[in-house]
Amino acid sequence: MPVDAFLLLSFGGPEGPDDVMPFLRNVTAGRGVPEERLLEVAEHYQHFGGVSPINEQNRALLRAIEADFRDQGVGLPLYWGNRNWRPMLADTLAQMRDDGVEFAVGLATSAYAGYSSCRQYLEDIAAARAKVGPGAPEVVKLPHFYDRPGFVEPHVDAVKAALAKVGPGPARIVFTAHSIPLSMARTAGPQGGLYEAQLREVARLVAERAAPELAWDLVWQSRSGPPQVPWLEPDVNDHLRTVPEKAVVVSPIGFVSDHLEVIWDLDNEAAATAADLGLAYARAATPGTDPRFVRMITDLVREAMSDHSTARSDTRPTPGLGRLSPIQTCGAGCCPAPARRG
């Protein structure tokens, strides 16, 4: 069956003050997050008028992909569906069915393995197809792209630009990604630990190309779970208090765009921590709509169109980065959910 559409899969975000609490309840449904924590997070959104930047960033990315598809002769219509807010994935699949789409490839706006960043999107697709019912299009999720040149190289250039902002002298590169529960990060089996391993690989690739003479660390941000549940540590703010250098560049390699957690956690909280400590501080940009990132997406789609195979190992030579990581990408049974205690 030929590929006849492209689908962007994302997290979603509120687009006005009245959306914030319903959105957060969607995100945390079934997780037992207390109401006071939701109200605390809601305040972050209200600082920006109740609007998350992620939806507009996805619109911009879709426009850039559409233009690149035209340039590269990829004749596919583009669609967009979210996990937690409009446009909801089931509504998008219903529209695709009505438009006659039968088989689509989907790109999730996460580069890495992990339950929330990979497997949950597969579950979202299955649930949305079941809701749509007969005629719902089949959707195959494109593979992880964490060490693709189109993702790594924009991070390299962003770190170089940020280092120029903190000026001469010794600096430290602090890479960040969204923290997750240890039960999710250390899942047993052959896919266990991929999230952290892939992030360390990207940190290494970026550091070696941006400033091989500098020390670097991988730390975590945006923890949201109850305090008694262990998550990946250290938190970026705690880590900044231990940095021996007087200048720090923070690079959010766990993210593809500057959405709310990047802006709030790094441009506000971590920047304030650095100022209190007297550290020179600069935050590196994310890929966003960098043409190299957009072309990487087009290339992933063309690969899928040519062979319909999305389970592969990123070990083949690639121009610009040489040999890619030996860490396997996900195939069948990837990124299992963490064990839940009764």
C-alpha atoms as a PDB file:
ATOM      1  CA  MET A   1       0.000   0.000   0.000  1.00  0.00           C
ATOM      2  CA  PRO A   2       1.583   3.322  -0.997  1.00  0.00           C
ATOM      3  CA  VAL A   3       2.154   6.100   1.528  1.00  0.00           C
ATOM      4  CA  ASP A   4      -0.428   8.764   0.852  1.00  0.00           C
ATOM      5  CA  ALA A   5      -0.044  11.276   3.733  1.00  0.00           C
ATOM      6  CA  PHE A   6       2.298  12.693   6.367  1.00  0.00           C
ATOM      7  CA  LEU A   7       1.161  13.133   9.967  1.00  0.00           C
ATOM      8  CA  LEU A   8       2.895  15.270  12.592  1.00  0.00           C
ATOM      9  CA  LEU A   9       2.335  13.822  16.071  1.00  0.00           C
ATOM     10  CA  SER A  10       2.843  16.107  19.040  1.00  0.00           C
ATOM     11  CA  PHE A  11       2.058  16.753  22.669  1.00  0.00           C
ATOM     12  CA  GLY A  12      -0.273  19.709  22.313  1.00  0.00           C
ATOM     13  CA  GLY A  13      -0.677  22.794  24.445  1.00  0.00           C
ATOM     14  CA  PRO A  14      -3.256  25.352  25.562  1.00  0.00           C
ATOM     15  CA  GLU A  15      -4.003  28.314  23.331  1.00  0.00           C
ATOM     16  CA  GLY A  16      -5.773  30.515  25.860  1.00  0.00           C
ATOM     17  CA  PRO A  17      -6.317  30.906  29.626  1.00  0.00           C
ATOM     18  CA  ASP A  18      -9.480  28.792  29.634  1.00  0.00           C
ATOM     19  CA  ASP A  19      -7.593  25.898  28.024  1.00  0.00           C
ATOM     20  CA  VAL A  20      -4.878  25.579  30.661  1.00  0.00           C
ATOM     21  CA  MET A  21      -6.487  23.480  33.400  1.00  0.00           C
ATOM     22  CA  PRO A  22      -8.411  21.165  31.000  1.00  0.00           C
ATOM     23  CA  PHE A  23      -5.164  20.634  29.107  1.00  0.00           C
ATOM     24  CA  LEU A  24      -3.216  19.829  32.277  1.00  0.00           C
ATOM     25  CA  ARG A  25      -5.919  17.408  33.379  1.00  0.00           C
ATOM     26  CA  ASN A  26      -5.621  15.641  30.035  1.00  0.00           C
ATOM     27  CA  VAL A  27      -1.852  15.408  30.453  1.00  0.00           C
ATOM     28  CA  THR A  28      -2.012  13.994  33.979  1.00  0.00           C
ATOM     29  CA  ALA A  29      -5.127  11.827  33.713  1.00  0.00           C
ATOM     30  CA  GLY A  30      -4.748   8.657  35.789  1.00  0.00           C
ATOM     31  CA  ARG A  31      -1.401   9.700  37.290  1.00  0.00           C
ATOM     32  CA  GLY A  32      -2.631  10.934  40.657  1.00  0.00           C
ATOM     33  CA  VAL A  33      -1.046  14.383  40.331  1.00  0.00           C
ATOM     34  CA  PRO A  34      -2.535  16.601  43.069  1.00  0.00           C
ATOM     35  CA  GLU A  35      -4.618  19.624  42.113  1.00  0.00           C
ATOM     36  CA  GLU A  36      -2.200  22.011  43.831  1.00  0.00           C
ATOM     37  CA  ARG A  37       0.592  20.844  41.537  1.00  0.00           C
ATOM     38  CA  LEU A  38      -1.608  21.449  38.483  1.00  0.00           C
ATOM     39  CA  LEU A  39      -2.369  24.955  39.725  1.00  0.00           C
ATOM     40  CA  GLU A  40       1.349  25.586  40.184  1.00  0.00           C
ATOM     41  CA  VAL A  41       2.113  24.495  36.615  1.00  0.00           C
ATOM     42  CA  ALA A  42      -0.886  26.477  35.343  1.00  0.00           C
ATOM     43  CA  GLU A  43       0.778  29.633  36.680  1.00  0.00           C
ATOM     44  CA  HIS A  44       3.686  29.023  34.307  1.00  0.00           C
ATOM     45  CA  TYR A  45       1.280  29.109  31.362  1.00  0.00           C
ATOM     46  CA  GLN A  46      -0.511  32.194  32.680  1.00  0.00           C
ATOM     47  CA  HIS A  47       2.775  34.109  32.524  1.00  0.00           C
ATOM     48  CA  PHE A  48       2.414  33.712  28.740  1.00  0.00           C
ATOM     49  CA  GLY A  49      -1.276  34.547  28.541  1.00  0.00           C
ATOM     50  CA  GLY A  50      -2.317  30.912  28.894  1.00  0.00           C
ATOM     51  CA  VAL A  51      -0.755  30.088  25.533  1.00  0.00           C
ATOM     52  CA  SER A  52       1.845  27.395  25.003  1.00  0.00           C
ATOM     53  CA  PRO A  53       4.254  28.158  22.157  1.00  0.00           C
ATOM     54  CA  ILE A  54       4.298  24.519  21.040  1.00  0.00           C
ATOM     55  CA  ASN A  55       1.254  24.703  18.765  1.00  0.00           C
ATOM     56  CA  GLU A  56       2.516  27.697  16.825  1.00  0.00           C
ATOM     57  CA  GLN A  57       5.924  26.034  16.591  1.00  0.00           C
ATOM     58  CA  ASN A  58       4.252  22.962  15.103  1.00  0.00           C
ATOM     59  CA  ARG A  59       2.395  25.134  12.595  1.00  0.00           C
ATOM     60  CA  ALA A  60       5.695  26.724  11.601  1.00  0.00           C
ATOM     61  CA  LEU A  61       7.317  23.299  11.295  1.00  0.00           C
ATOM     62  CA  LEU A  62       4.479  22.039   9.107  1.00  0.00           C
ATOM     63  CA  ARG A  63       4.842  25.064   6.824  1.00  0.00           C
ATOM     64  CA  ALA A  64       8.575  24.413   6.532  1.00  0.00           C
ATOM     65  CA  ILE A  65       8.057  20.696   5.840  1.00  0.00           C
ATOM     66  CA  GLU A  66       5.407  21.455   3.237  1.00  0.00           C
ATOM     67  CA  ALA A  67       7.813  23.808   1.428  1.00  0.00           C
ATOM     68  CA  ASP A  68      10.625  21.243   1.585  1.00  0.00           C
ATOM     69  CA  PHE A  69       8.296  18.511   0.308  1.00  0.00           C
ATOM     70  CA  ARG A  70       7.579  20.703  -2.718  1.00  0.00           C
ATOM     71  CA  ASP A  71      11.285  21.343  -3.303  1.00  0.00           C
ATOM     72  CA  GLN A  72      12.102  17.633  -3.021  1.00  0.00           C
ATOM     73  CA  GLY A  73       9.158  16.354  -5.041  1.00  0.00           C
ATOM     74  CA  VAL A  74       7.376  14.653  -2.143  1.00  0.00           C
ATOM     75  CA  GLY A  75       3.722  14.877  -3.093  1.00  0.00           C
ATOM     76  CA  LEU A  76       2.027  14.144   0.226  1.00  0.00           C
ATOM     77  CA  PRO A  77      -0.658  16.097   2.072  1.00  0.00           C
ATOM     78  CA  LEU A  78       0.289  17.068   5.611  1.00  0.00           C
ATOM     79  CA  TYR A  79      -1.779  16.601   8.771  1.00  0.00           C
ATOM     80  CA  TRP A  80      -1.245  17.300  12.451  1.00  0.00           C
ATOM     81  CA  GLY A  81      -2.702  15.607  15.545  1.00  0.00           C
ATOM     82  CA  ASN A  82      -1.942  16.071  19.246  1.00  0.00           C
ATOM     83  CA  ARG A  83      -2.022  13.829  22.288  1.00  0.00           C
ATOM     84  CA  ASN A  84      -3.447  16.312  24.771  1.00  0.00           C
ATOM     85  CA  TRP A  85      -5.083  19.286  23.042  1.00  0.00           C
ATOM     86  CA  ARG A  86      -6.624  20.424  19.805  1.00  0.00           C
ATOM     87  CA  PRO A  87      -6.164  19.334  17.107  1.00  0.00           C
ATOM     88  CA  MET A  88      -6.721  15.979  18.827  1.00  0.00           C
ATOM     89  CA  LEU A  89      -5.322  12.954  17.032  1.00  0.00           C
ATOM     90  CA  ALA A  90      -8.670  11.149  16.669  1.00  0.00           C
ATOM     91  CA  ASP A  91     -10.208  14.225  15.022  1.00  0.00           C
ATOM     92  CA  THR A  92      -7.273  14.425  12.624  1.00  0.00           C
ATOM     93  CA  LEU A  93      -7.535  10.733  11.700  1.00  0.00           C
ATOM     94  CA  ALA A  94     -11.258  11.185  11.043  1.00  0.00           C
ATOM     95  CA  GLN A  95     -10.447  14.051   8.675  1.00  0.00           C
ATOM     96  CA  MET A  96      -7.783  11.959   6.976  1.00  0.00           C
ATOM     97  CA  ARG A  97     -10.292   9.123   6.503  1.00  0.00           C
ATOM     98  CA  ASP A  98     -12.794  11.565   5.005  1.00  0.00           C
ATOM     99  CA  ASP A  99     -10.056  12.823   2.670  1.00  0.00           C
ATOM    100  CA  GLY A 100      -9.425   9.288   1.439  1.00  0.00           C
ATOM    101  CA  VAL A 101      -6.106   8.715   3.212  1.00  0.00           C
ATOM    102  CA  GLU A 102      -5.383   5.029   3.802  1.00  0.00           C
ATOM    103  CA  PHE A 103      -1.707   4.814   4.828  1.00  0.00           C
ATOM    104  CA  ALA A 104       0.311   7.600   6.467  1.00  0.00           C
ATOM    105  CA  VAL A 105       3.732   7.977   8.015  1.00  0.00           C
ATOM    106  CA  GLY A 106       3.869   9.855  11.309  1.00  0.00           C
ATOM    107  CA  LEU A 107       6.681  11.828  12.906  1.00  0.00           C
ATOM    108  CA  ALA A 108       6.548  12.376  16.675  1.00  0.00           C
ATOM    109  CA  THR A 109       8.142  15.590  17.928  1.00  0.00           C
ATOM    110  CA  SER A 110      10.537  13.635  20.123  1.00  0.00           C
ATOM    111  CA  ALA A 111      13.895  12.361  18.930  1.00  0.00           C
ATOM    112  CA  TYR A 112      14.377   9.660  21.545  1.00  0.00           C
ATOM    113  CA  ALA A 113      13.252   6.288  22.818  1.00  0.00           C
ATOM    114  CA  GLY A 114      11.145   6.030  25.940  1.00  0.00           C
ATOM    115  CA  TYR A 115       7.586   5.290  26.922  1.00  0.00           C
ATOM    116  CA  SER A 116       6.292   8.887  26.801  1.00  0.00           C
ATOM    117  CA  SER A 117       8.401   9.858  23.805  1.00  0.00           C
ATOM    118  CA  CYS A 118       7.773   6.762  21.680  1.00  0.00           C
ATOM    119  CA  ARG A 119       5.532   3.933  22.857  1.00  0.00           C
ATOM    120  CA  GLN A 120       2.784   6.228  24.106  1.00  0.00           C
ATOM    121  CA  TYR A 121       2.487   7.727  20.616  1.00  0.00           C
ATOM    122  CA  LEU A 122       1.937   4.238  19.233  1.00  0.00           C
ATOM    123  CA  GLU A 123      -0.762   3.729  21.848  1.00  0.00           C
ATOM    124  CA  ASP A 124      -2.269   7.106  20.918  1.00  0.00           C
ATOM    125  CA  ILE A 125      -2.438   6.053  17.273  1.00  0.00           C
ATOM    126  CA  ALA A 126      -4.115   2.756  18.146  1.00  0.00           C
ATOM    127  CA  ALA A 127      -6.657   4.451  20.432  1.00  0.00           C
ATOM    128  CA  ALA A 128      -7.436   7.136  17.864  1.00  0.00           C
ATOM    129  CA  ARG A 129      -7.909   4.570  15.087  1.00  0.00           C
ATOM    130  CA  ALA A 130     -10.260   2.590  17.320  1.00  0.00           C
ATOM    131  CA  LYS A 131     -12.258   5.736  18.052  1.00  0.00           C
ATOM    132  CA  VAL A 132     -12.525   6.625  14.377  1.00  0.00           C
ATOM    133  CA  GLY A 133     -13.567   3.083  13.512  1.00  0.00           C
ATOM    134  CA  PRO A 134     -13.880   1.544  10.034  1.00  0.00           C
ATOM    135  CA  GLY A 135     -11.816   3.290   7.415  1.00  0.00           C
ATOM    136  CA  ALA A 136      -9.383   4.853   9.876  1.00  0.00           C
ATOM    137  CA  PRO A 137      -6.042   5.232   8.104  1.00  0.00           C
ATOM    138  CA  GLU A 138      -3.089   3.101   9.089  1.00  0.00           C
ATOM    139  CA  VAL A 139      -0.243   5.175  10.551  1.00  0.00           C
ATOM    140  CA  VAL A 140       3.354   3.970  10.808  1.00  0.00           C
ATOM    141  CA  LYS A 141       5.545   5.967  13.183  1.00  0.00           C
ATOM    142  CA  LEU A 142       8.900   7.053  11.788  1.00  0.00           C
ATOM    143  CA  PRO A 143      12.001   5.965  13.766  1.00  0.00           C
ATOM    144  CA  HIS A 144      13.943   7.843  16.403  1.00  0.00           C
ATOM    145  CA  PHE A 145      16.148  10.517  14.892  1.00  0.00           C
ATOM    146  CA  TYR A 146      18.283  11.468  17.900  1.00  0.00           C
ATOM    147  CA  ASP A 147      21.646  11.037  16.163  1.00  0.00           C
ATOM    148  CA  ARG A 148      20.686  12.060  12.645  1.00  0.00           C
ATOM    149  CA  PRO A 149      22.882  14.887  11.346  1.00  0.00           C
ATOM    150  CA  GLY A 150      19.799  17.039  10.748  1.00  0.00           C
ATOM    151  CA  PHE A 151      19.060  16.963  14.475  1.00  0.00           C
ATOM    152  CA  VAL A 152      22.607  16.990  15.869  1.00  0.00           C
ATOM    153  CA  GLU A 153      24.138  19.700  13.679  1.00  0.00           C
ATOM    154  CA  PRO A 154      21.653  22.461  14.627  1.00  0.00           C
ATOM    155  CA  HIS A 155      22.411  21.715  18.278  1.00  0.00           C
ATOM    156  CA  VAL A 156      26.147  21.949  17.558  1.00  0.00           C
ATOM    157  CA  ASP A 157      25.817  25.381  15.965  1.00  0.00           C
ATOM    158  CA  ALA A 158      23.488  26.543  18.744  1.00  0.00           C
ATOM    159  CA  VAL A 159      26.037  25.593  21.405  1.00  0.00           C
ATOM    160  CA  LYS A 160      28.779  27.425  19.506  1.00  0.00           C
ATOM    161  CA  ALA A 161      26.601  30.555  19.312  1.00  0.00           C
ATOM    162  CA  ALA A 162      25.776  30.367  23.014  1.00  0.00           C
ATOM    163  CA  LEU A 163      29.445  29.947  23.941  1.00  0.00           C
ATOM    164  CA  ALA A 164      30.199  33.149  22.049  1.00  0.00           C
ATOM    165  CA  LYS A 165      27.650  34.952  24.248  1.00  0.00           C
ATOM    166  CA  VAL A 166      29.304  33.993  27.550  1.00  0.00           C
ATOM    167  CA  GLY A 167      32.614  35.363  26.321  1.00  0.00           C
ATOM    168  CA  PRO A 168      36.193  34.117  26.641  1.00  0.00           C
ATOM    169  CA  GLY A 169      37.433  31.937  29.446  1.00  0.00           C
ATOM    170  CA  PRO A 170      36.582  28.456  30.668  1.00  0.00           C
ATOM    171  CA  ALA A 171      32.942  27.507  30.361  1.00  0.00           C
ATOM    172  CA  ARG A 172      30.960  24.345  30.956  1.00  0.00           C
ATOM    173  CA  ILE A 173      28.297  22.839  28.689  1.00  0.00           C
ATOM    174  CA  VAL A 174      25.262  21.537  30.542  1.00  0.00           C
ATOM    175  CA  PHE A 175      22.924  19.434  28.400  1.00  0.00           C
ATOM    176  CA  THR A 176      19.344  19.032  29.578  1.00  0.00           C
ATOM    177  CA  ALA A 177      16.393  16.788  28.849  1.00  0.00           C
ATOM    178  CA  HIS A 178      13.030  16.118  30.442  1.00  0.00           C
ATOM    179  CA  SER A 179      13.400  14.017  33.576  1.00  0.00           C
ATOM    180  CA  ILE A 180      11.341  10.842  33.766  1.00  0.00           C
ATOM    181  CA  PRO A 181      10.660   8.345  36.584  1.00  0.00           C
ATOM    182  CA  LEU A 182      13.450   5.858  37.180  1.00  0.00           C
ATOM    183  CA  SER A 183      10.920   3.063  36.676  1.00  0.00           C
ATOM    184  CA  MET A 184      10.479   4.340  33.130  1.00  0.00           C
ATOM    185  CA  ALA A 185      14.142   5.144  32.509  1.00  0.00           C
ATOM    186  CA  ARG A 186      15.460   1.800  33.743  1.00  0.00           C
ATOM    187  CA  THR A 187      12.883  -0.527  32.216  1.00  0.00           C
ATOM    188  CA  ALA A 188      14.202  -4.076  32.107  1.00  0.00           C
ATOM    189  CA  GLY A 189      14.911  -5.874  28.842  1.00  0.00           C
ATOM    190  CA  PRO A 190      16.840  -5.106  25.645  1.00  0.00           C
ATOM    191  CA  GLN A 191      15.167  -1.686  25.279  1.00  0.00           C
ATOM    192  CA  GLY A 192      15.833  -0.693  28.891  1.00  0.00           C
ATOM    193  CA  GLY A 193      17.766   2.529  29.398  1.00  0.00           C
ATOM    194  CA  LEU A 194      17.585   3.695  25.785  1.00  0.00           C
ATOM    195  CA  TYR A 195      16.311   7.167  26.664  1.00  0.00           C
ATOM    196  CA  GLU A 196      19.279   8.050  28.840  1.00  0.00           C
ATOM    197  CA  ALA A 197      21.795   6.242  26.610  1.00  0.00           C
ATOM    198  CA  GLN A 198      20.613   8.060  23.473  1.00  0.00           C
ATOM    199  CA  LEU A 199      20.735  11.424  25.228  1.00  0.00           C
ATOM    200  CA  ARG A 200      24.300  10.778  26.399  1.00  0.00           C
ATOM    201  CA  GLU A 201      25.241   9.867  22.861  1.00  0.00           C
ATOM    202  CA  VAL A 202      23.822  13.124  21.493  1.00  0.00           C
ATOM    203  CA  ALA A 203      25.537  15.099  24.268  1.00  0.00           C
ATOM    204  CA  ARG A 204      28.828  13.482  23.287  1.00  0.00           C
ATOM    205  CA  LEU A 205      28.304  14.151  19.585  1.00  0.00           C
ATOM    206  CA  VAL A 206      27.399  17.806  20.169  1.00  0.00           C
ATOM    207  CA  ALA A 207      30.184  18.463  22.665  1.00  0.00           C
ATOM    208  CA  GLU A 208      32.861  16.888  20.455  1.00  0.00           C
ATOM    209  CA  ARG A 209      31.856  19.058  17.519  1.00  0.00           C
ATOM    210  CA  ALA A 210      31.048  22.301  19.327  1.00  0.00           C
ATOM    211  CA  ALA A 211      33.868  22.544  21.903  1.00  0.00           C
ATOM    212  CA  PRO A 212      35.884  19.360  22.466  1.00  0.00           C
ATOM    213  CA  GLU A 213      38.115  21.122  24.996  1.00  0.00           C
ATOM    214  CA  LEU A 214      35.256  21.851  27.420  1.00  0.00           C
ATOM    215  CA  ALA A 215      33.763  19.689  30.149  1.00  0.00           C
ATOM    216  CA  TRP A 216      30.095  18.773  29.829  1.00  0.00           C
ATOM    217  CA  ASP A 217      27.310  17.158  31.823  1.00  0.00           C
ATOM    218  CA  LEU A 218      23.880  15.693  31.148  1.00  0.00           C
ATOM    219  CA  VAL A 219      21.254  16.792  33.682  1.00  0.00           C
ATOM    220  CA  TRP A 220      17.476  16.914  33.903  1.00  0.00           C
ATOM    221  CA  GLN A 221      14.614  19.353  34.071  1.00  0.00           C
ATOM    222  CA  SER A 222      10.811  19.632  34.281  1.00  0.00           C
ATOM    223  CA  ARG A 223      10.184  16.948  36.906  1.00  0.00           C
ATOM    224  CA  SER A 224       6.463  16.768  37.646  1.00  0.00           C
ATOM    225  CA  GLY A 225       5.845  13.629  39.732  1.00  0.00           C
ATOM    226  CA  PRO A 226       5.191  13.190  43.453  1.00  0.00           C
ATOM    227  CA  PRO A 227       8.306  13.674  45.599  1.00  0.00           C
ATOM    228  CA  GLN A 228       8.348  10.086  46.887  1.00  0.00           C
ATOM    229  CA  VAL A 229       8.771   8.699  43.336  1.00  0.00           C
ATOM    230  CA  PRO A 230      12.439   8.682  42.192  1.00  0.00           C
ATOM    231  CA  TRP A 231      13.161  10.447  38.895  1.00  0.00           C
ATOM    232  CA  LEU A 232      16.333  10.986  36.906  1.00  0.00           C
ATOM    233  CA  GLU A 233      18.649  13.438  38.681  1.00  0.00           C
ATOM    234  CA  PRO A 234      20.291  15.890  39.141  1.00  0.00           C
ATOM    235  CA  ASP A 235      17.945  18.750  38.368  1.00  0.00           C
ATOM    236  CA  VAL A 236      19.568  21.493  36.318  1.00  0.00           C
ATOM    237  CA  ASN A 237      19.186  24.087  39.086  1.00  0.00           C
ATOM    238  CA  ASP A 238      20.804  21.826  41.667  1.00  0.00           C
ATOM    239  CA  HIS A 239      23.600  21.028  39.238  1.00  0.00           C
ATOM    240  CA  LEU A 240      24.377  24.677  38.495  1.00  0.00           C
ATOM    241  CA  ARG A 241      25.256  25.110  42.171  1.00  0.00           C
ATOM    242  CA  THR A 242      28.080  22.572  41.767  1.00  0.00           C
ATOM    243  CA  VAL A 243      29.666  23.872  38.561  1.00  0.00           C
ATOM    244  CA  PRO A 244      33.291  24.959  39.157  1.00  0.00           C
ATOM    245  CA  GLU A 245      33.501  27.190  36.081  1.00  0.00           C
ATOM    246  CA  LYS A 246      32.236  30.783  36.032  1.00  0.00           C
ATOM    247  CA  ALA A 247      30.348  30.427  32.742  1.00  0.00           C
ATOM    248  CA  VAL A 248      27.720  27.928  31.642  1.00  0.00           C
ATOM    249  CA  VAL A 249      25.963  27.153  28.378  1.00  0.00           C
ATOM    250  CA  VAL A 250      22.778  25.142  28.802  1.00  0.00           C
ATOM    251  CA  SER A 251      21.758  23.119  25.738  1.00  0.00           C
ATOM    252  CA  PRO A 252      18.271  21.513  25.762  1.00  0.00           C
ATOM    253  CA  ILE A 253      19.133  18.539  23.565  1.00  0.00           C
ATOM    254  CA  GLY A 254      16.035  16.706  24.761  1.00  0.00           C
ATOM    255  CA  PHE A 255      13.756  19.060  22.820  1.00  0.00           C
ATOM    256  CA  VAL A 256      13.096  19.877  19.175  1.00  0.00           C
ATOM    257  CA  SER A 257      11.683  23.388  19.744  1.00  0.00           C
ATOM    258  CA  ASP A 258      11.566  26.175  22.330  1.00  0.00           C
ATOM    259  CA  HIS A 259       8.292  25.197  23.951  1.00  0.00           C
ATOM    260  CA  LEU A 260       7.123  26.181  27.426  1.00  0.00           C
ATOM    261  CA  GLU A 261       9.345  23.864  29.454  1.00  0.00           C
ATOM    262  CA  VAL A 262      12.422  25.213  27.680  1.00  0.00           C
ATOM    263  CA  ILE A 263      11.362  28.837  28.087  1.00  0.00           C
ATOM    264  CA  TRP A 264      10.173  28.567  31.696  1.00  0.00           C
ATOM    265  CA  ASP A 265      12.602  26.040  33.169  1.00  0.00           C
ATOM    266  CA  LEU A 266      15.726  27.316  31.430  1.00  0.00           C
ATOM    267  CA  ASP A 267      15.156  30.926  30.368  1.00  0.00           C
ATOM    268  CA  ASN A 268      13.517  31.800  33.694  1.00  0.00           C
ATOM    269  CA  GLU A 269      14.310  29.396  36.535  1.00  0.00           C
ATOM    270  CA  ALA A 270      17.792  28.192  35.515  1.00  0.00           C
ATOM    271  CA  ALA A 271      18.782  31.675  34.342  1.00  0.00           C
ATOM    272  CA  ALA A 272      17.735  33.066  37.735  1.00  0.00           C
ATOM    273  CA  THR A 273      19.726  30.373  39.539  1.00  0.00           C
ATOM    274  CA  ALA A 274      22.791  31.200  37.447  1.00  0.00           C
ATOM    275  CA  ALA A 275      22.391  34.916  38.188  1.00  0.00           C
ATOM    276  CA  ASP A 276      22.167  34.226  41.930  1.00  0.00           C
ATOM    277  CA  LEU A 277      25.393  32.208  41.671  1.00  0.00           C
ATOM    278  CA  GLY A 278      27.198  34.859  39.610  1.00  0.00           C
ATOM    279  CA  LEU A 279      27.518  32.552  36.606  1.00  0.00           C
ATOM    280  CA  ALA A 280      27.681  33.856  33.067  1.00  0.00           C
ATOM    281  CA  TYR A 281      24.784  32.024  31.427  1.00  0.00           C
ATOM    282  CA  ALA A 282      23.488  31.415  27.915  1.00  0.00           C
ATOM    283  CA  ARG A 283      20.863  28.985  26.687  1.00  0.00           C
ATOM    284  CA  ALA A 284      21.454  27.319  23.314  1.00  0.00           C
ATOM    285  CA  ALA A 285      18.614  27.179  20.796  1.00  0.00           C
ATOM    286  CA  THR A 286      16.707  24.081  19.696  1.00  0.00           C
ATOM    287  CA  PRO A 287      16.401  22.949  16.040  1.00  0.00           C
ATOM    288  CA  GLY A 288      12.928  24.447  15.489  1.00  0.00           C
ATOM    289  CA  THR A 289      12.609  24.974  11.746  1.00  0.00           C
ATOM    290  CA  ASP A 290      16.313  24.802  10.932  1.00  0.00           C
ATOM    291  CA  PRO A 291      16.502  23.753   7.251  1.00  0.00           C
ATOM    292  CA  ARG A 292      18.754  20.808   8.122  1.00  0.00           C
ATOM    293  CA  PHE A 293      16.185  19.503  10.589  1.00  0.00           C
ATOM    294  CA  VAL A 294      13.376  19.968   8.090  1.00  0.00           C
ATOM    295  CA  ARG A 295      15.360  18.170   5.354  1.00  0.00           C
ATOM    296  CA  MET A 296      16.033  15.309   7.799  1.00  0.00           C
ATOM    297  CA  ILE A 297      12.259  14.886   8.172  1.00  0.00           C
ATOM    298  CA  THR A 298      11.810  14.860   4.416  1.00  0.00           C
ATOM    299  CA  ASP A 299      14.553  12.238   4.116  1.00  0.00           C
ATOM    300  CA  LEU A 300      12.895  10.046   6.774  1.00  0.00           C
ATOM    301  CA  VAL A 301       9.621  10.250   4.857  1.00  0.00           C
ATOM    302  CA  ARG A 302      11.297   9.370   1.566  1.00  0.00           C
ATOM    303  CA  GLU A 303      12.987   6.370   3.186  1.00  0.00           C
ATOM    304  CA  ALA A 304       9.625   5.186   4.482  1.00  0.00           C
ATOM    305  CA  MET A 305       8.006   5.728   1.098  1.00  0.00           C
ATOM    306  CA  SER A 306      10.697   3.635  -0.561  1.00  0.00           C
ATOM    307  CA  ASP A 307      10.515   0.575   1.658  1.00  0.00           C
ATOM    308  CA  HIS A 308       7.815   1.066   4.354  1.00  0.00           C
ATOM    309  CA  SER A 309      10.390  -0.127   6.887  1.00  0.00           C
ATOM    310  CA  THR A 310      10.788   1.975  10.052  1.00  0.00           C
ATOM    311  CA  ALA A 311      12.553  -0.528  12.316  1.00  0.00           C
ATOM    312  CA  ARG A 312      16.242  -0.142  11.684  1.00  0.00           C
ATOM    313  CA  SER A 313      19.600   0.287  13.353  1.00  0.00           C
ATOM    314  CA  ASP A 314      21.242   3.717  13.081  1.00  0.00           C
ATOM    315  CA  THR A 315      24.694   2.254  12.468  1.00  0.00           C
ATOM    316  CA  ARG A 316      25.230   3.011   8.815  1.00  0.00           C
ATOM    317  CA  PRO A 317      27.647   5.724   7.642  1.00  0.00           C
ATOM    318  CA  THR A 318      26.081   9.163   7.272  1.00  0.00           C
ATOM    319  CA  PRO A 319      27.748  12.189   5.648  1.00  0.00           C
ATOM    320  CA  GLY A 320      28.793  14.805   8.188  1.00  0.00           C
ATOM    321  CA  LEU A 321      28.740  12.598  11.266  1.00  0.00           C
ATOM    322  CA  GLY A 322      30.530   9.481  10.122  1.00  0.00           C
ATOM    323  CA  ARG A 323      29.464   6.316  11.902  1.00  0.00           C
ATOM    324  CA  LEU A 324      26.230   6.795  13.796  1.00  0.00           C
ATOM    325  CA  SER A 325      25.538   5.476  17.265  1.00  0.00           C
ATOM    326  CA  PRO A 326      25.563   1.715  17.872  1.00  0.00           C
ATOM    327  CA  ILE A 327      22.500   2.188  20.115  1.00  0.00           C
ATOM    328  CA  GLN A 328      19.564   0.437  18.480  1.00  0.00           C
ATOM    329  CA  THR A 329      16.396   2.281  17.565  1.00  0.00           C
ATOM    330  CA  CYS A 330      13.035   0.834  18.465  1.00  0.00           C
ATOM    331  CA  GLY A 331      11.260  -1.880  16.569  1.00  0.00           C
ATOM    332  CA  ALA A 332       8.415  -4.177  17.560  1.00  0.00           C
ATOM    333  CA  GLY A 333       7.772  -4.110  21.296  1.00  0.00           C
ATOM    334  CA  CYS A 334       9.856  -0.988  21.815  1.00  0.00           C
ATOM    335  CA  CYS A 335       9.807   1.312  24.835  1.00  0.00           C
ATOM    336  CA  PRO A 336       7.509  -0.652  27.143  1.00  0.00           C
ATOM    337  CA  ALA A 337       5.512   1.123  29.814  1.00  0.00           C
ATOM    338  CA  PRO A 338       7.010   1.000  33.306  1.00  0.00           C
ATOM    339  CA  ALA A 339       5.612  -1.538  35.719  1.00  0.00           C
ATOM    340  CA  ARG A 340       2.827  -0.026  37.767  1.00  0.00           C
ATOM    341  CA  ARG A 341       2.374  -0.914  41.402  1.00  0.00           C
ATOM    342  CA  GLY A 342      -1.101  -1.796  42.548  1.00  0.00           C
END
